[in-house]
Structure formats: structure tokens, C-alpha cells
Amino acid sequence: QVQLVESGGGLVQPGGSLRLSCAASGAGFSLNNMGWYRQAPGKEREWIATIIGGGSTNYADSVKGRFTISRDNAKNTVYLQMNRLEPEDTSVYYCYGSRASGWSKYWGQGTQVTVSS
């Protein structure tokens, strides 16, 4: 059974940084596509970033230039480095993995990020 476990969320002041991690296990196959979504209270889940196994990345306009996604294939882990955080970034952040684009996604349980002074 595939499991994705996020860590690294918390409370940070505006302008600060956080690094989220998501470790995958139990797949028995490669999760070629991994990435992050977020969901704020009362809003729909929003895609943030994707990284493909070869290392190519894509970002939502709302985070481009501030967030960086990376992965360690040996550790089956994906990271999200978040810099210059804004109160609007406050959300529950979910990582996902899938075998390829268009395939079913496996989801983590989510980690809360709160940006507030």
C-alpha cells in the first residue's frame, strides 16, 4: 500500500521560509510524478508544483520564484522549499505521487502551514 507522509509545516512570520518534505513508501513501483497541492479554508484544492522523475519542474504562477520543488529519488522523497512566505500562503499542504501524468494520484495526509505575525 502506497503511503506518503509529509512533514515540515508550522507557523512562520511573513517573509520567512519553510521546507516541506514528503516521503513515499510501499509503492513497489516508481512514482514518476510527484508534487504539491494546497487547500485553504473555504477554498478549492490548488495545484502548486510538480516534478517529474527526470527533474523537470512546473509551478503555479502564485508561487513561481518563491517556491522550489526538488526530489531525492534514492530516498523516494519530494521537497518544497518555500521562501518569502505571505499570509495568503496559509493552507494545508498535500503532497502527491503518481506513476505518470493522467494516472491516479496517491495523497499524503497534509501538513498545516500558517503565515502570520
C-alpha atoms as a PDB file:
ATOM      1  CA  GLN A   1       0.000   0.000   0.000  1.00  0.00           C
ATOM      2  CA  VAL A   2       1.390   3.375  -1.022  1.00  0.00           C
ATOM      3  CA  GLN A   3       1.967   5.844   1.803  1.00  0.00           C
ATOM      4  CA  LEU A   4       3.012   9.468   1.555  1.00  0.00           C
ATOM      5  CA  VAL A   5       3.977  11.230   4.767  1.00  0.00           C
ATOM      6  CA  GLU A   6       4.506  14.985   4.878  1.00  0.00           C
ATOM      7  CA  SER A   7       6.494  16.904   7.456  1.00  0.00           C
ATOM      8  CA  GLY A   8       7.903  20.371   7.998  1.00  0.00           C
ATOM      9  CA  GLY A   9       4.793  22.514   8.354  1.00  0.00           C
ATOM     10  CA  GLY A  10       4.348  25.077  11.086  1.00  0.00           C
ATOM     11  CA  LEU A  11       3.948  28.726  11.954  1.00  0.00           C
ATOM     12  CA  VAL A  12       6.193  31.275  10.273  1.00  0.00           C
ATOM     13  CA  GLN A  13       6.233  35.055  10.034  1.00  0.00           C
ATOM     14  CA  PRO A  14       5.613  36.833   6.721  1.00  0.00           C
ATOM     15  CA  GLY A  15       8.789  36.876   4.682  1.00  0.00           C
ATOM     16  CA  GLY A  16      10.058  33.722   6.338  1.00  0.00           C
ATOM     17  CA  SER A  17      10.846  30.282   4.937  1.00  0.00           C
ATOM     18  CA  LEU A  18       9.808  26.689   5.478  1.00  0.00           C
ATOM     19  CA  ARG A  19      10.824  23.425   3.887  1.00  0.00           C
ATOM     20  CA  LEU A  20       8.266  20.672   3.492  1.00  0.00           C
ATOM     21  CA  SER A  21       9.206  17.041   2.971  1.00  0.00           C
ATOM     22  CA  CYS A  22       7.147  14.131   1.704  1.00  0.00           C
ATOM     23  CA  ALA A  23       8.435  10.586   1.961  1.00  0.00           C
ATOM     24  CA  ALA A  24       6.835   7.859  -0.161  1.00  0.00           C
ATOM     25  CA  SER A  25       6.859   4.162   0.699  1.00  0.00           C
ATOM     26  CA  GLY A  26       5.156   0.917  -0.179  1.00  0.00           C
ATOM     27  CA  ALA A  27       4.698   1.617  -3.878  1.00  0.00           C
ATOM     28  CA  GLY A  28       6.690  -1.210  -5.406  1.00  0.00           C
ATOM     29  CA  PHE A  29       6.961   0.965  -8.497  1.00  0.00           C
ATOM     30  CA  SER A  30       8.315   4.388  -9.327  1.00  0.00           C
ATOM     31  CA  LEU A  31       6.200   7.449  -8.584  1.00  0.00           C
ATOM     32  CA  ASN A  32       7.496   9.339 -11.583  1.00  0.00           C
ATOM     33  CA  ASN A  33       5.335  12.419 -10.991  1.00  0.00           C
ATOM     34  CA  MET A  34       5.384  13.997  -7.546  1.00  0.00           C
ATOM     35  CA  GLY A  35       4.224  17.362  -6.379  1.00  0.00           C
ATOM     36  CA  TRP A  36       2.238  19.537  -4.049  1.00  0.00           C
ATOM     37  CA  TYR A  37      -1.232  20.997  -3.737  1.00  0.00           C
ATOM     38  CA  ARG A  38      -2.628  23.212  -1.016  1.00  0.00           C
ATOM     39  CA  GLN A  39      -6.075  23.973   0.333  1.00  0.00           C
ATOM     40  CA  ALA A  40      -7.076  26.987   2.384  1.00  0.00           C
ATOM     41  CA  PRO A  41     -10.271  27.043   4.461  1.00  0.00           C
ATOM     42  CA  GLY A  42     -13.314  27.539   2.251  1.00  0.00           C
ATOM     43  CA  LYS A  43     -11.301  27.227  -0.952  1.00  0.00           C
ATOM     44  CA  GLU A  44     -10.726  24.509  -3.511  1.00  0.00           C
ATOM     45  CA  ARG A  45      -7.538  22.494  -3.532  1.00  0.00           C
ATOM     46  CA  GLU A  46      -4.935  24.373  -5.594  1.00  0.00           C
ATOM     47  CA  TRP A  47      -2.078  22.798  -7.518  1.00  0.00           C
ATOM     48  CA  ILE A  48       1.288  24.335  -6.643  1.00  0.00           C
ATOM     49  CA  ALA A  49       4.142  22.416  -8.235  1.00  0.00           C
ATOM     50  CA  THR A  50       5.124  19.185  -9.961  1.00  0.00           C
ATOM     51  CA  ILE A  51       8.444  17.476 -10.508  1.00  0.00           C
ATOM     52  CA  ILE A  52       8.965  14.639 -12.958  1.00  0.00           C
ATOM     53  CA  GLY A  53      11.429  11.806 -12.357  1.00  0.00           C
ATOM     54  CA  GLY A  54      13.965  13.310 -14.738  1.00  0.00           C
ATOM     55  CA  GLY A  55      13.889  16.552 -12.777  1.00  0.00           C
ATOM     56  CA  SER A  56      11.743  18.860 -14.892  1.00  0.00           C
ATOM     57  CA  THR A  57       9.506  21.135 -12.831  1.00  0.00           C
ATOM     58  CA  ASN A  58       6.375  23.232 -13.192  1.00  0.00           C
ATOM     59  CA  TYR A  59       4.939  25.835 -10.838  1.00  0.00           C
ATOM     60  CA  ALA A  60       1.712  27.717 -10.345  1.00  0.00           C
ATOM     61  CA  ASP A  61       2.073  31.422 -11.047  1.00  0.00           C
ATOM     62  CA  SER A  62       1.169  32.192  -7.439  1.00  0.00           C
ATOM     63  CA  VAL A  63       4.370  30.577  -6.139  1.00  0.00           C
ATOM     64  CA  LYS A  64       6.772  30.862  -9.067  1.00  0.00           C
ATOM     65  CA  GLY A  65      10.033  32.469  -7.996  1.00  0.00           C
ATOM     66  CA  ARG A  66       9.343  31.881  -4.294  1.00  0.00           C
ATOM     67  CA  PHE A  67       8.892  28.101  -4.023  1.00  0.00           C
ATOM     68  CA  THR A  68      11.261  25.406  -5.259  1.00  0.00           C
ATOM     69  CA  ILE A  69      10.356  21.747  -5.665  1.00  0.00           C
ATOM     70  CA  SER A  70      13.033  19.068  -5.641  1.00  0.00           C
ATOM     71  CA  ARG A  71      13.288  15.333  -5.127  1.00  0.00           C
ATOM     72  CA  ASP A  72      15.687  12.682  -3.915  1.00  0.00           C
ATOM     73  CA  ASN A  73      14.860   9.562  -5.893  1.00  0.00           C
ATOM     74  CA  ALA A  74      17.099   7.390  -3.723  1.00  0.00           C
ATOM     75  CA  LYS A  75      15.005   8.384  -0.690  1.00  0.00           C
ATOM     76  CA  ASN A  76      11.651   8.490  -2.548  1.00  0.00           C
ATOM     77  CA  THR A  77      11.215  11.952  -1.101  1.00  0.00           C
ATOM     78  CA  VAL A  78       9.982  15.205  -2.564  1.00  0.00           C
ATOM     79  CA  TYR A  79      10.658  18.599  -1.022  1.00  0.00           C
ATOM     80  CA  LEU A  80       9.087  22.028  -1.235  1.00  0.00           C
ATOM     81  CA  GLN A  81      11.306  24.940  -0.239  1.00  0.00           C
ATOM     82  CA  MET A  82       9.075  27.929   0.436  1.00  0.00           C
ATOM     83  CA  ASN A  83      10.662  31.365   0.656  1.00  0.00           C
ATOM     84  CA  ARG A  84       9.231  34.871   1.077  1.00  0.00           C
ATOM     85  CA  LEU A  85       6.082  33.392   2.558  1.00  0.00           C
ATOM     86  CA  GLU A  86       2.947  35.524   2.614  1.00  0.00           C
ATOM     87  CA  PRO A  87      -0.206  35.285   4.729  1.00  0.00           C
ATOM     88  CA  GLU A  88      -2.008  34.143   1.558  1.00  0.00           C
ATOM     89  CA  ASP A  89       0.174  31.024   1.582  1.00  0.00           C
ATOM     90  CA  THR A  90      -1.558  29.820   4.743  1.00  0.00           C
ATOM     91  CA  SER A  91      -3.054  26.432   3.853  1.00  0.00           C
ATOM     92  CA  VAL A  92      -2.885  22.729   4.415  1.00  0.00           C
ATOM     93  CA  TYR A  93      -0.231  21.428   2.025  1.00  0.00           C
ATOM     94  CA  TYR A  94      -0.653  17.997   0.463  1.00  0.00           C
ATOM     95  CA  CYS A  95       1.926  16.040  -1.456  1.00  0.00           C
ATOM     96  CA  TYR A  96       1.004  13.547  -4.136  1.00  0.00           C
ATOM     97  CA  GLY A  97       2.636  10.927  -6.288  1.00  0.00           C
ATOM     98  CA  SER A  98       1.582   9.103  -9.433  1.00  0.00           C
ATOM     99  CA  ARG A  99       3.154   6.703 -11.879  1.00  0.00           C
ATOM    100  CA  ALA A 100       2.714   9.176 -14.738  1.00  0.00           C
ATOM    101  CA  SER A 101       0.596  12.086 -15.887  1.00  0.00           C
ATOM    102  CA  GLY A 102      -3.053  11.119 -16.028  1.00  0.00           C
ATOM    103  CA  TRP A 103      -2.649   8.176 -13.653  1.00  0.00           C
ATOM    104  CA  SER A 104      -4.341   8.071 -10.258  1.00  0.00           C
ATOM    105  CA  LYS A 105      -2.690  10.143  -7.563  1.00  0.00           C
ATOM    106  CA  TYR A 106      -1.678   8.926  -4.127  1.00  0.00           C
ATOM    107  CA  TRP A 107      -2.010  11.574  -1.420  1.00  0.00           C
ATOM    108  CA  GLY A 108      -0.380  12.417   1.863  1.00  0.00           C
ATOM    109  CA  GLN A 109      -2.357  13.395   4.934  1.00  0.00           C
ATOM    110  CA  GLY A 110      -1.463  17.082   4.718  1.00  0.00           C
ATOM    111  CA  THR A 111       0.613  19.444   6.815  1.00  0.00           C
ATOM    112  CA  GLN A 112      -0.519  22.845   8.058  1.00  0.00           C
ATOM    113  CA  VAL A 113       1.425  25.955   7.101  1.00  0.00           C
ATOM    114  CA  THR A 114       0.431  29.190   8.805  1.00  0.00           C
ATOM    115  CA  VAL A 115       1.995  32.511   7.856  1.00  0.00           C
ATOM    116  CA  SER A 116       1.223  35.129  10.456  1.00  0.00           C
ATOM    117  CA  SER A 117       2.895  37.780  12.555  1.00  0.00           C
END
